[in-house]
C-alpha atoms as a PDB file:
ATOM      1  CA  MET A   1       0.005   0.029   0.173  1.00  0.00           C
ATOM      2  CA  HIS A   2       2.993   2.408   0.735  1.00  0.00           C
ATOM      3  CA  GLU A   3       4.319   2.171  -2.765  1.00  0.00           C
ATOM      4  CA  ARG A   4       1.010   2.934  -4.226  1.00  0.00           C
ATOM      5  CA  ILE A   5       0.503   5.941  -1.679  1.00  0.00           C
ATOM      6  CA  LEU A   6       4.234   7.226  -2.742  1.00  0.00           C
ATOM      7  CA  SER A   7       3.275   6.578  -6.511  1.00  0.00           C
ATOM      8  CA  LEU A   8       0.026   8.587  -6.212  1.00  0.00           C
ATOM      9  CA  ALA A   9       1.449  11.754  -4.175  1.00  0.00           C
ATOM     10  CA  ALA A  10       4.599  11.981  -6.631  1.00  0.00           C
ATOM     11  CA  ALA A  11       2.362  11.943  -9.612  1.00  0.00           C
ATOM     12  CA  ILE A  12       0.122  14.848  -7.838  1.00  0.00           C
ATOM     13  CA  THR A  13       3.268  17.135  -7.013  1.00  0.00           C
ATOM     14  CA  GLY A  14       5.669  16.079  -9.687  1.00  0.00           C
ATOM     15  CA  GLY A  15       8.000  16.211  -6.708  1.00  0.00           C
ATOM     16  CA  ASP A  16      11.175  14.504  -5.173  1.00  0.00           C
ATOM     17  CA  THR A  17      10.040  11.071  -3.556  1.00  0.00           C
ATOM     18  CA  ALA A  18      13.160  11.919  -0.948  1.00  0.00           C
ATOM     19  CA  LEU A  19      10.502  14.348   0.600  1.00  0.00           C
ATOM     20  CA  LEU A  20       7.491  12.384  -0.289  1.00  0.00           C
ATOM     21  CA  GLU A  21       8.799   9.015   1.377  1.00  0.00           C
ATOM     22  CA  PRO A  22       8.489  10.214   4.964  1.00  0.00           C
ATOM     23  CA  LEU A  23       5.350  12.332   4.241  1.00  0.00           C
ATOM     24  CA  CYS A  24       3.759   9.598   3.071  1.00  0.00           C
ATOM     25  CA  ALA A  25       4.795   7.133   5.549  1.00  0.00           C
ATOM     26  CA  ALA A  26       3.299   9.698   8.172  1.00  0.00           C
ATOM     27  CA  ALA A  27       0.120  10.128   6.328  1.00  0.00           C
ATOM     28  CA  GLU A  28      -0.725   6.851   5.974  1.00  0.00           C
ATOM     29  CA  THR A  29       0.072   6.029   9.493  1.00  0.00           C
ATOM     30  CA  ALA A  30      -2.192   8.878  10.743  1.00  0.00           C
ATOM     31  CA  TRP A  31      -5.304   7.656   8.688  1.00  0.00           C
ATOM     32  CA  ARG A  32      -4.786   4.215   9.803  1.00  0.00           C
ATOM     33  CA  ALA A  33      -5.076   5.553  13.606  1.00  0.00           C
ATOM     34  CA  ARG A  34      -8.319   7.283  12.860  1.00  0.00           C
ATOM     35  CA  LEU A  35     -10.112   4.279  11.746  1.00  0.00           C
ATOM     36  CA  ARG A  36     -13.382   3.647  13.386  1.00  0.00           C
ATOM     37  CA  PRO A  37     -13.377   0.677  15.450  1.00  0.00           C
ATOM     38  CA  GLY A  38     -14.212  -2.416  13.351  1.00  0.00           C
ATOM     39  CA  VAL A  39     -12.932  -0.973  10.280  1.00  0.00           C
ATOM     40  CA  ALA A  40      -9.775  -2.375   8.654  1.00  0.00           C
ATOM     41  CA  PRO A  41      -7.370  -0.570   5.923  1.00  0.00           C
ATOM     42  CA  PRO A  42      -8.689  -3.352   3.420  1.00  0.00           C
ATOM     43  CA  ASP A  43     -12.099  -1.931   3.970  1.00  0.00           C
ATOM     44  CA  CYS A  44     -11.112   1.419   2.870  1.00  0.00           C
ATOM     45  CA  GLU A  45      -8.161   0.669   0.628  1.00  0.00           C
ATOM     46  CA  SER A  46      -8.791   2.925  -2.138  1.00  0.00           C
ATOM     47  CA  ALA A  47      -9.758   5.835  -0.260  1.00  0.00           C
ATOM     48  CA  LEU A  48      -6.901   5.536   2.471  1.00  0.00           C
ATOM     49  CA  ILE A  49      -4.426   5.435  -0.682  1.00  0.00           C
ATOM     50  CA  CYS A  50      -5.850   8.583  -2.204  1.00  0.00           C
ATOM     51  CA  ALA A  51      -6.196  10.269   1.109  1.00  0.00           C
ATOM     52  CA  ALA A  52      -2.843   9.302   2.546  1.00  0.00           C
ATOM     53  CA  ALA A  53      -1.166  10.573  -0.838  1.00  0.00           C
ATOM     54  CA  PHE A  54      -3.533  14.050  -0.858  1.00  0.00           C
ATOM     55  CA  THR A  55      -2.280  14.419   2.813  1.00  0.00           C
ATOM     56  CA  ALA A  56       1.234  14.193   1.869  1.00  0.00           C
ATOM     57  CA  ALA A  57       1.168  16.176  -1.268  1.00  0.00           C
ATOM     58  CA  ALA A  58      -0.395  19.006   0.737  1.00  0.00           C
ATOM     59  CA  GLY A  59       2.647  18.563   3.323  1.00  0.00           C
ATOM     60  CA  ALA A  60       5.117  18.862   0.600  1.00  0.00           C
ATOM     61  CA  SER A  61       3.352  21.835  -1.083  1.00  0.00           C
ATOM     62  CA  SER A  62       3.125  23.810   2.016  1.00  0.00           C
ATOM     63  CA  ALA A  63       7.046  22.861   3.030  1.00  0.00           C
ATOM     64  CA  ARG A  64       8.029  24.000  -0.662  1.00  0.00           C
ATOM     65  CA  ASP A  65       5.842  26.967  -0.669  1.00  0.00           C
ATOM     66  CA  GLY A  66       6.500  27.957   2.880  1.00  0.00           C
ATOM     67  CA  GLY A  67       2.533  28.680   2.939  1.00  0.00           C
ATOM     68  CA  SER A  68       2.851  31.947   2.333  1.00  0.00           C
ATOM     69  CA  GLY A  69       1.274  32.439  -1.311  1.00  0.00           C
ATOM     70  CA  VAL A  70       3.970  35.068  -2.234  1.00  0.00           C
ATOM     71  CA  THR A  71       4.907  34.322  -6.103  1.00  0.00           C
ATOM     72  CA  SER A  72       7.746  37.219  -6.173  1.00  0.00           C
ATOM     73  CA  PHE A  73       9.589  39.850  -3.844  1.00  0.00           C
ATOM     74  CA  THR A  74      11.684  42.803  -5.170  1.00  0.00           C
ATOM     75  CA  ALA A  75      13.789  44.984  -2.661  1.00  0.00           C
ATOM     76  CA  GLY A  76      14.559  47.913  -4.809  1.00  0.00           C
ATOM     77  CA  ASP A  77      11.238  49.919  -4.859  1.00  0.00           C
ATOM     78  CA  VAL A  78       9.631  47.202  -2.731  1.00  0.00           C
ATOM     79  CA  SER A  79       7.349  45.172  -5.217  1.00  0.00           C
ATOM     80  CA  VAL A  80       5.668  42.008  -3.513  1.00  0.00           C
ATOM     81  CA  ARG A  81       3.348  40.052  -5.284  1.00  0.00           C
ATOM     82  CA  CYS A  82       1.075  37.569  -3.683  1.00  0.00           C
ATOM     83  CA  TRP A  83      -1.433  35.204  -5.483  1.00  0.00           C
ATOM     84  CA  GLU A  84      -4.840  34.371  -4.103  1.00  0.00           C
ATOM     85  CA  GLY A  85      -5.779  30.889  -4.189  1.00  0.00           C
ATOM     86  CA  GLY A  86      -2.116  29.977  -4.752  1.00  0.00           C
ATOM     87  CA  ALA A  87      -0.115  26.759  -3.038  1.00  0.00           C
ATOM     88  CA  SER A  88      -1.685  27.309   0.081  1.00  0.00           C
ATOM     89  CA  SER A  89      -4.996  26.911  -0.777  1.00  0.00           C
ATOM     90  CA  GLY A  90      -4.373  24.193  -2.894  1.00  0.00           C
ATOM     91  CA  ALA A  91      -2.544  22.240   0.260  1.00  0.00           C
ATOM     92  CA  ALA A  92      -5.919  23.155   1.890  1.00  0.00           C
ATOM     93  CA  GLU A  93      -7.962  21.660  -0.948  1.00  0.00           C
ATOM     94  CA  LEU A  94      -6.103  18.639  -1.145  1.00  0.00           C
ATOM     95  CA  LEU A  95      -6.490  18.067   2.873  1.00  0.00           C
ATOM     96  CA  ALA A  96     -10.187  18.602   2.384  1.00  0.00           C
ATOM     97  CA  GLN A  97     -10.653  16.257  -0.214  1.00  0.00           C
ATOM     98  CA  ALA A  98      -8.472  13.707   1.863  1.00  0.00           C
ATOM     99  CA  GLU A  99     -11.140  14.496   4.718  1.00  0.00           C
ATOM    100  CA  ARG A 100     -14.076  13.846   2.570  1.00  0.00           C
ATOM    101  CA  LEU A 101     -12.493  10.665   1.274  1.00  0.00           C
ATOM    102  CA  MET A 102     -12.100   9.219   4.633  1.00  0.00           C
ATOM    103  CA  ALA A 103     -15.254  10.339   6.379  1.00  0.00           C
ATOM    104  CA  PRO A 104     -17.216   7.158   6.272  1.00  0.00           C
ATOM    105  CA  TYR A 105     -14.426   5.124   7.847  1.00  0.00           C
ATOM    106  CA  VAL A 106     -13.010   7.270  10.595  1.00  0.00           C
ATOM    107  CA  VAL A 107     -13.414   8.958  13.719  1.00  0.00           C
ATOM    108  CA  SER A 108     -14.037  12.744  13.222  1.00  0.00           C
ATOM    109  CA  ASP A 109     -11.004  14.803  14.683  1.00  0.00           C
ATOM    110  CA  ASP A 110     -13.354  18.157  14.470  1.00  0.00           C
ATOM    111  CA  PHE A 111     -13.814  19.263  18.425  1.00  0.00           C
ATOM    112  CA  ALA A 112     -17.165  19.441  19.662  1.00  0.00           C
ATOM    113  CA  PHE A 113     -18.918  19.965  23.324  1.00  0.00           C
ATOM    114  CA  ARG A 114     -20.929  17.381  24.365  1.00  0.00           C
ATOM    115  CA  GLY A 115     -22.713  19.190  27.275  1.00  0.00           C
ATOM    116  CA  VAL A 116     -21.482  21.883  29.919  1.00  0.00           C
ATOM    117  CA  ARG A 117     -22.099  21.065  33.664  1.00  0.00           C
ATOM    118  CA  THR A 118     -23.165  24.035  35.637  1.00  0.00           C
END
């Protein structure tokens, strides 16, 4: 499964497998840890592979771009160019897609109050 995740993440990013290798391993471990009781990895293999690859690709994108969205910078006569919807939003969309894929199989990591004692 790990090789398929790595291959998909590399296809998404066109990136260096040296960076993607540990990101893919960490993403796979994180998604497996969130599986609902009674759900095994083979039960959601396709979704797990895609979600882990998307998660790793998002991590690689954020690491590469620093998450700033700045596309250029000039010091003389100060000029900074930012691209709204750049790599940072692309990484966020990959993570959101991974969450949607795995939603039926994992325990939500959203925070919620169940009740407040007074």
